[in-house]
N, C-alpha and C. Protein backbone atom coordinates (compact mmCIF):
# COMPACT_ATOMS: atom_id res chain seq x y z
N MET A 1 1.05 -1.34 0.30
CA MET A 1 0.04 -0.40 0.15
C MET A 1 1.33 1.04 0.10
N TYR A 2 0.59 2.08 -0.73
CA TYR A 2 1.16 3.79 -0.99
C TYR A 2 0.40 4.55 -0.87
N LEU A 3 0.92 6.01 -0.12
CA LEU A 3 -0.08 7.43 0.28
C LEU A 3 0.76 8.11 -0.47
N TRP A 4 0.04 9.11 -1.22
CA TRP A 4 0.56 10.10 -1.64
C TRP A 4 0.31 11.53 -2.55
N THR A 5 1.47 11.56 -2.27
CA THR A 5 1.24 14.05 -2.42
C THR A 5 1.69 13.78 -3.61
N LEU A 6 0.67 15.05 -4.57
CA LEU A 6 0.95 15.79 -5.64
C LEU A 6 1.52 17.59 -5.27
N ARG A 7 2.36 17.52 -5.66
CA ARG A 7 3.24 19.43 -5.46
C ARG A 7 3.36 19.95 -6.53
N HIS A 8 3.05 20.96 -7.25
CA HIS A 8 3.29 21.11 -8.26
C HIS A 8 4.26 23.29 -7.55
N SER A 9 5.12 23.28 -8.33
CA SER A 9 7.11 24.03 -7.96
C SER A 9 6.55 24.97 -8.82
N HIS A 10 7.85 26.06 -9.18
CA HIS A 10 8.04 26.66 -9.86
C HIS A 10 9.68 26.76 -10.06
N SER A 11 10.46 27.06 -11.18
CA SER A 11 11.47 27.24 -10.40
C SER A 11 11.54 28.75 -12.20
N HIS A 12 12.67 29.36 -11.95
CA HIS A 12 12.70 30.02 -12.09
C HIS A 12 15.09 30.25 -12.67
N SER A 13 14.59 30.41 -13.89
CA SER A 13 15.68 30.60 -14.91
C SER A 13 16.57 32.19 -15.21
N VAL A 14 17.61 32.55 -14.64
CA VAL A 14 18.39 33.99 -15.29
C VAL A 14 19.28 34.06 -16.22
N VAL A 15 18.66 32.77 -16.44
CA VAL A 15 20.19 33.29 -18.44
C VAL A 15 18.90 34.04 -19.00
N ASP A 16 17.03 33.21 -18.97
CA ASP A 16 16.18 33.92 -20.68
C ASP A 16 15.47 34.28 -18.77
N ASN A 17 15.12 34.61 -17.48
CA ASN A 17 14.45 35.05 -17.30
C ASN A 17 12.85 34.37 -17.82
N SER A 18 13.36 33.18 -17.33
CA SER A 18 11.63 32.33 -18.08
C SER A 18 11.20 31.37 -16.57
N ARG A 19 9.59 31.04 -16.72
CA ARG A 19 9.52 29.78 -15.28
C ARG A 19 8.55 29.01 -15.96
N THR A 20 9.40 27.81 -15.36
CA THR A 20 9.06 25.89 -15.44
C THR A 20 8.09 25.95 -15.18
N CYS A 21 7.21 25.49 -14.58
CA CYS A 21 6.20 24.63 -13.59
C CYS A 21 6.67 23.18 -13.72
N CYS A 22 6.89 22.93 -12.79
CA CYS A 22 7.67 20.92 -11.89
C CYS A 22 6.27 20.34 -11.47
N GLU A 23 5.54 19.21 -12.21
CA GLU A 23 4.24 18.74 -11.26
C GLU A 23 5.40 17.09 -10.56
N THR A 24 5.88 17.45 -9.00
CA THR A 24 6.20 15.91 -8.35
C THR A 24 5.10 15.51 -7.58
N LEU A 25 4.85 13.80 -8.10
CA LEU A 25 4.38 13.23 -7.57
C LEU A 25 5.48 11.78 -6.53
N THR A 26 4.72 12.28 -4.87
CA THR A 26 5.80 11.23 -4.12
C THR A 26 5.05 10.64 -3.30
N LEU A 27 5.41 9.29 -4.16
CA LEU A 27 4.45 7.85 -3.71
C LEU A 27 5.54 7.14 -1.67
N TYR A 28 4.57 6.56 -0.57
CA TYR A 28 4.71 6.85 0.20
C TYR A 28 4.90 5.30 0.68
N PRO A 29 5.76 4.17 0.61
CA PRO A 29 5.13 2.69 0.88
C PRO A 29 4.49 3.27 2.56
N GLN A 30 4.14 1.63 2.24
CA GLN A 30 3.34 1.77 3.80
C GLN A 30 3.19 0.39 3.96
N PRO A 31 3.50 -0.59 5.63
CA PRO A 31 3.42 1.24 6.81
C PRO A 31 4.67 2.00 6.75
N ALA A 32 4.08 3.00 6.93
CA ALA A 32 5.42 4.02 7.87
C ALA A 32 6.72 3.59 8.19
N GLY A 33 7.92 3.45 7.15
CA GLY A 33 8.82 3.53 7.46
C GLY A 33 9.43 2.44 6.81
N ALA A 34 8.80 1.91 5.99
CA ALA A 34 8.25 0.07 5.51
C ALA A 34 9.86 0.81 4.33
N GLY A 35 9.45 1.66 3.46
CA GLY A 35 10.82 2.36 2.80
C GLY A 35 10.83 3.52 2.45
N GLY A 36 11.97 3.81 1.56
CA GLY A 36 12.42 5.29 0.57
C GLY A 36 11.14 5.85 0.03
N PRO A 37 10.82 6.55 -0.20
CA PRO A 37 9.88 7.99 -1.38
C PRO A 37 10.80 7.28 -2.49
N LEU A 38 9.33 7.64 -3.22
CA LEU A 38 9.49 7.33 -4.65
C LEU A 38 9.23 8.83 -5.10
N ARG A 39 9.87 10.18 -5.60
CA ARG A 39 10.14 11.00 -6.44
C ARG A 39 9.25 10.45 -7.70
N ILE A 40 8.28 11.49 -8.41
CA ILE A 40 8.46 11.02 -9.95
C ILE A 40 8.26 12.47 -10.33
N VAL A 41 9.08 12.65 -11.36
CA VAL A 41 9.11 14.72 -11.60
C VAL A 41 8.58 14.84 -12.47
N PHE A 42 8.28 15.60 -12.96
CA PHE A 42 7.48 15.97 -14.32
C PHE A 42 7.44 17.74 -14.63
N ALA A 43 9.16 18.69 -15.10
CA ALA A 43 9.44 19.34 -15.34
C ALA A 43 8.33 19.74 -17.16
N GLY A 44 8.16 21.15 -17.13
CA GLY A 44 7.84 21.76 -18.23
C GLY A 44 8.55 22.10 -18.84
N GLY A 45 8.54 21.25 -20.75
CA GLY A 45 9.38 21.61 -21.86
C GLY A 45 8.81 22.17 -23.23
N SER A 46 9.40 22.16 -23.71
CA SER A 46 9.06 22.56 -25.09
C SER A 46 8.18 22.62 -25.49
N ASP A 47 8.22 20.71 -25.62
CA ASP A 47 6.94 19.79 -26.34
C ASP A 47 5.83 18.62 -25.14
N ARG A 48 6.01 19.67 -24.11
CA ARG A 48 5.12 18.57 -22.95
C ARG A 48 4.77 19.21 -22.41
N TYR A 49 3.74 19.77 -22.00
CA TYR A 49 2.64 21.13 -20.39
C TYR A 49 3.02 20.53 -18.55
N VAL A 50 2.60 21.20 -18.49
CA VAL A 50 2.46 20.89 -16.93
C VAL A 50 1.96 22.24 -16.35
N PRO A 51 0.87 21.99 -16.44
CA PRO A 51 0.35 23.04 -16.83
C PRO A 51 0.03 23.64 -15.05
N GLY A 52 0.20 25.42 -14.60
CA GLY A 52 0.10 25.97 -13.44
C GLY A 52 -1.45 26.45 -13.46
N GLY A 53 -2.64 25.72 -13.50
CA GLY A 53 -3.75 26.40 -14.27
C GLY A 53 -4.71 25.98 -15.59
N ALA A 54 -5.73 26.75 -15.55
CA ALA A 54 -6.74 27.51 -16.20
C ALA A 54 -5.64 27.31 -17.96
N PRO A 55 -6.55 26.73 -19.00
CA PRO A 55 -7.52 25.46 -19.01
C PRO A 55 -7.75 24.33 -19.02
N LEU A 56 -6.34 24.12 -18.24
CA LEU A 56 -6.30 22.74 -18.16
C LEU A 56 -6.28 22.68 -16.64
N GLY A 57 -7.12 20.97 -16.41
CA GLY A 57 -6.97 20.35 -14.71
C GLY A 57 -5.28 21.10 -14.18
N SER A 58 -5.79 21.22 -12.87
CA SER A 58 -4.70 20.79 -11.38
C SER A 58 -4.40 18.44 -12.58
N GLY A 59 -2.72 18.36 -11.97
CA GLY A 59 -2.56 17.88 -12.32
C GLY A 59 -2.41 17.33 -13.59
N ASP A 60 -2.68 17.61 -14.41
CA ASP A 60 -2.63 17.38 -16.28
C ASP A 60 -1.46 17.10 -16.17
N VAL A 61 -1.21 16.58 -17.49
CA VAL A 61 1.27 16.44 -17.08
C VAL A 61 0.35 15.61 -19.29
N GLY A 62 1.59 15.70 -20.36
CA GLY A 62 1.74 15.44 -21.23
C GLY A 62 2.20 15.52 -21.92
N TYR A 63 2.41 15.23 -23.24
CA TYR A 63 3.26 15.39 -24.16
C TYR A 63 1.95 16.14 -25.15
N ILE A 64 2.36 17.32 -25.90
CA ILE A 64 1.78 18.20 -26.64
C ILE A 64 1.14 17.46 -27.81
N ARG A 65 1.15 16.66 -28.44
CA ARG A 65 0.83 15.64 -29.27
C ARG A 65 1.30 14.52 -29.08
N GLY A 66 0.62 14.07 -27.44
CA GLY A 66 0.80 12.41 -27.36
C GLY A 66 0.15 12.10 -25.89
N ALA A 67 0.51 11.37 -25.03
CA ALA A 67 0.43 10.37 -23.75
C ALA A 67 -0.08 12.05 -23.18
N SER A 68 -1.12 11.60 -21.71
CA SER A 68 -0.86 12.55 -20.85
C SER A 68 -1.80 11.78 -19.84
N LEU A 69 -1.51 11.92 -18.52
CA LEU A 69 -2.08 11.48 -17.09
C LEU A 69 -2.47 13.09 -16.59
N ASN A 70 -3.28 12.02 -15.92
CA ASN A 70 -3.92 12.81 -14.54
C ASN A 70 -3.94 12.30 -13.64
N LEU A 71 -2.72 13.06 -13.07
CA LEU A 71 -2.11 13.52 -11.91
C LEU A 71 -2.59 12.85 -10.18
N HIS A 72 -4.13 13.48 -10.23
CA HIS A 72 -4.40 13.02 -9.30
C HIS A 72 -5.63 12.06 -9.23
N GLU A 73 -5.31 11.05 -10.50
CA GLU A 73 -6.49 10.39 -10.65
C GLU A 73 -5.70 8.74 -9.61
N PRO A 74 -6.02 8.33 -9.35
CA PRO A 74 -5.27 7.09 -8.71
C PRO A 74 -5.36 5.54 -9.31
N GLY A 75 -5.56 5.69 -10.90
CA GLY A 75 -5.62 5.20 -11.53
C GLY A 75 -3.69 5.21 -12.62
N ALA A 76 -4.06 6.44 -12.59
CA ALA A 76 -3.03 7.26 -13.24
C ALA A 76 -1.39 6.83 -12.23
N VAL A 77 -1.97 7.38 -11.19
CA VAL A 77 -0.90 7.15 -10.43
C VAL A 77 -0.62 5.48 -9.99
N ARG A 78 -1.69 4.97 -9.90
CA ARG A 78 -0.58 3.14 -10.13
C ARG A 78 -0.52 2.72 -11.25
N ALA A 79 -0.58 3.57 -11.89
CA ALA A 79 0.42 2.91 -13.95
C ALA A 79 0.84 3.41 -13.70
N LEU A 80 2.18 5.27 -12.86
CA LEU A 80 2.66 4.74 -13.44
C LEU A 80 3.66 4.05 -12.10
N LEU A 81 3.31 3.87 -10.68
CA LEU A 81 4.31 2.86 -9.83
C LEU A 81 4.49 1.48 -10.38
N ASP A 82 3.05 1.46 -10.72
CA ASP A 82 4.28 -0.35 -11.61
C ASP A 82 4.73 -0.31 -12.84
N VAL A 83 4.92 0.99 -13.78
CA VAL A 83 5.69 0.78 -14.26
C VAL A 83 7.14 1.09 -14.07
N ALA A 84 7.29 1.81 -12.25
CA ALA A 84 8.81 2.57 -11.59
C ALA A 84 9.10 0.63 -11.09
N LEU A 85 7.93 0.56 -10.65
CA LEU A 85 8.31 -1.32 -9.68
C LEU A 85 9.16 -1.98 -11.43
N ALA A 86 8.39 -2.39 -12.75
CA ALA A 86 8.73 -3.05 -13.50
C ALA A 86 10.12 -3.09 -14.07
N ARG A 87 10.30 -1.21 -13.76
CA ARG A 87 11.96 -0.66 -14.14
C ARG A 87 13.23 -0.60 -13.80
N GLY A 88 12.31 -1.40 -12.05
CA GLY A 88 13.80 -1.82 -11.00
C GLY A 88 13.70 -1.02 -10.54
N TRP A 89 11.96 0.11 -9.46
CA TRP A 89 12.78 0.87 -8.52
C TRP A 89 11.63 -0.57 -7.30
N GLN A 90 13.01 -0.17 -6.11
CA GLN A 90 13.02 -1.14 -5.56
C GLN A 90 12.30 -0.46 -4.04
N PRO A 91 10.85 -0.45 -4.07
CA PRO A 91 10.33 0.18 -2.83
C PRO A 91 10.68 -0.09 -0.76
N GLU A 92 11.37 -1.12 -0.68
CA GLU A 92 12.13 -1.56 0.64
C GLU A 92 12.61 -1.20 0.81
N VAL A 93 13.86 -0.29 -0.39
CA VAL A 93 14.95 0.65 0.26
C VAL A 93 15.00 1.63 0.84
N ARG A 94 15.30 2.17 1.48
CA ARG A 94 14.89 3.42 3.36
C ARG A 94 15.45 4.44 2.32
N GLN A 95 16.00 5.14 0.81
CA GLN A 95 16.01 5.91 1.02
C GLN A 95 15.59 6.29 0.02
N ALA A 96 15.30 7.99 -0.40
CA ALA A 96 14.45 8.53 -1.58
C ALA A 96 15.61 8.19 -3.36
N VAL A 97 14.54 7.73 -3.40
CA VAL A 97 14.72 7.61 -5.40
C VAL A 97 13.76 8.81 -6.27
N GLU A 98 14.72 9.56 -6.52
CA GLU A 98 13.31 10.20 -7.74
C GLU A 98 13.22 9.62 -9.46
N ILE A 99 12.81 10.06 -9.38
CA ILE A 99 12.39 9.95 -11.15
C ILE A 99 12.02 10.73 -11.87
N ASP A 100 12.65 10.99 -13.56
CA ASP A 100 12.17 12.05 -14.49
C ASP A 100 11.03 11.41 -14.83
N GLY A 101 9.65 11.52 -14.87
CA GLY A 101 8.06 11.22 -15.13
C GLY A 101 7.96 11.21 -16.18
N TRP A 102 8.29 11.48 -17.01
CA TRP A 102 8.56 11.47 -18.89
C TRP A 102 9.30 10.47 -18.82
N SER A 103 10.92 9.72 -18.98
CA SER A 103 10.44 8.23 -19.30
C SER A 103 9.89 7.29 -18.74
N LEU A 104 8.63 7.40 -17.55
CA LEU A 104 7.43 6.98 -16.85
C LEU A 104 6.35 6.91 -18.08
N LEU A 105 6.10 8.30 -18.82
CA LEU A 105 4.54 8.85 -18.84
C LEU A 105 3.85 7.43 -20.18
N GLU A 106 4.36 7.23 -21.53
CA GLU A 106 4.32 7.00 -22.69
C GLU A 106 3.89 6.02 -21.66
N ALA A 107 4.32 4.64 -21.43
CA ALA A 107 3.77 3.48 -21.02
C ALA A 107 3.14 3.04 -19.22
N ALA A 108 3.07 4.20 -18.42
CA ALA A 108 1.85 4.10 -18.06
C ALA A 108 0.69 4.94 -18.21
N ALA A 109 0.33 6.01 -19.45
CA ALA A 109 -0.71 6.29 -19.60
C ALA A 109 -1.19 4.95 -21.62
N ALA A 110 0.02 4.13 -21.61
CA ALA A 110 -0.54 3.35 -22.32
C ALA A 110 -1.61 2.09 -21.51
N ALA A 111 -0.61 1.64 -20.06
CA ALA A 111 -0.99 0.84 -19.56
C ALA A 111 -3.04 1.19 -19.01
N ARG A 112 -2.50 2.39 -18.92
CA ARG A 112 -3.81 3.00 -17.92
C ARG A 112 -4.91 2.92 -19.44
N ALA A 113 -4.52 2.88 -20.56
CA ALA A 113 -5.64 3.26 -21.49
C ALA A 113 -5.65 1.36 -22.06
N GLY A 114 -5.23 0.49 -21.58
CA GLY A 114 -4.90 -1.27 -21.91
C GLY A 114 -4.32 -1.60 -22.83
N THR A 115 -3.28 -0.36 -23.45
CA THR A 115 -2.80 -0.96 -24.65
C THR A 115 -1.34 -1.47 -25.04
N ALA A 116 -1.18 -1.54 -23.71
CA ALA A 116 0.42 -1.79 -23.30
C ALA A 116 0.37 -2.61 -22.12
N GLY A 117 1.72 -2.80 -21.21
CA GLY A 117 2.26 -3.10 -20.49
C GLY A 117 2.64 -2.59 -19.95
N PRO A 118 2.41 -2.49 -18.43
CA PRO A 118 3.17 -1.11 -17.71
C PRO A 118 5.36 -1.56 -18.56
N ALA A 119 5.84 -2.26 -18.60
CA ALA A 119 7.15 -2.16 -19.13
C ALA A 119 8.15 -1.71 -19.91
N ASP A 120 6.45 -1.52 -21.04
CA ASP A 120 6.34 -1.29 -22.40
C ASP A 120 7.31 0.02 -22.75
N SER A 121 8.42 0.17 -23.29
CA SER A 121 9.19 1.49 -23.30
C SER A 121 9.07 1.71 -24.73
N GLU A 122 9.41 2.98 -25.49
CA GLU A 122 9.41 3.12 -26.54
C GLU A 122 10.69 3.75 -27.46
N ASP A 123 11.82 3.25 -26.20
CA ASP A 123 13.49 3.24 -26.79
C ASP A 123 13.43 2.29 -27.80
């Protein structure tokens, strides 16, 4: 069993004075102390979206022309967890692990849609 939190944050570039949105989904193995947290981080970029509000909903992440998930939906969180586990994340390890969410998104979205297994990859 896992508990999860979702946090929206911003980073600011001093180079070009731009602001980048970031969604961080953190999963905590239960019971408390059973293992370290998994942080799945989605940082905004030119071909992907991480909205800070309207017109897209809170928790939406995706590629401009491709896969997307809403990180508030339990099924989306489960799909990301399943992909992370299939790719080697070990929840019993007691240290925090951070993964680039974009490396998991397409496989998780495909699994959520029922079109692929959680370990499938575009590599």
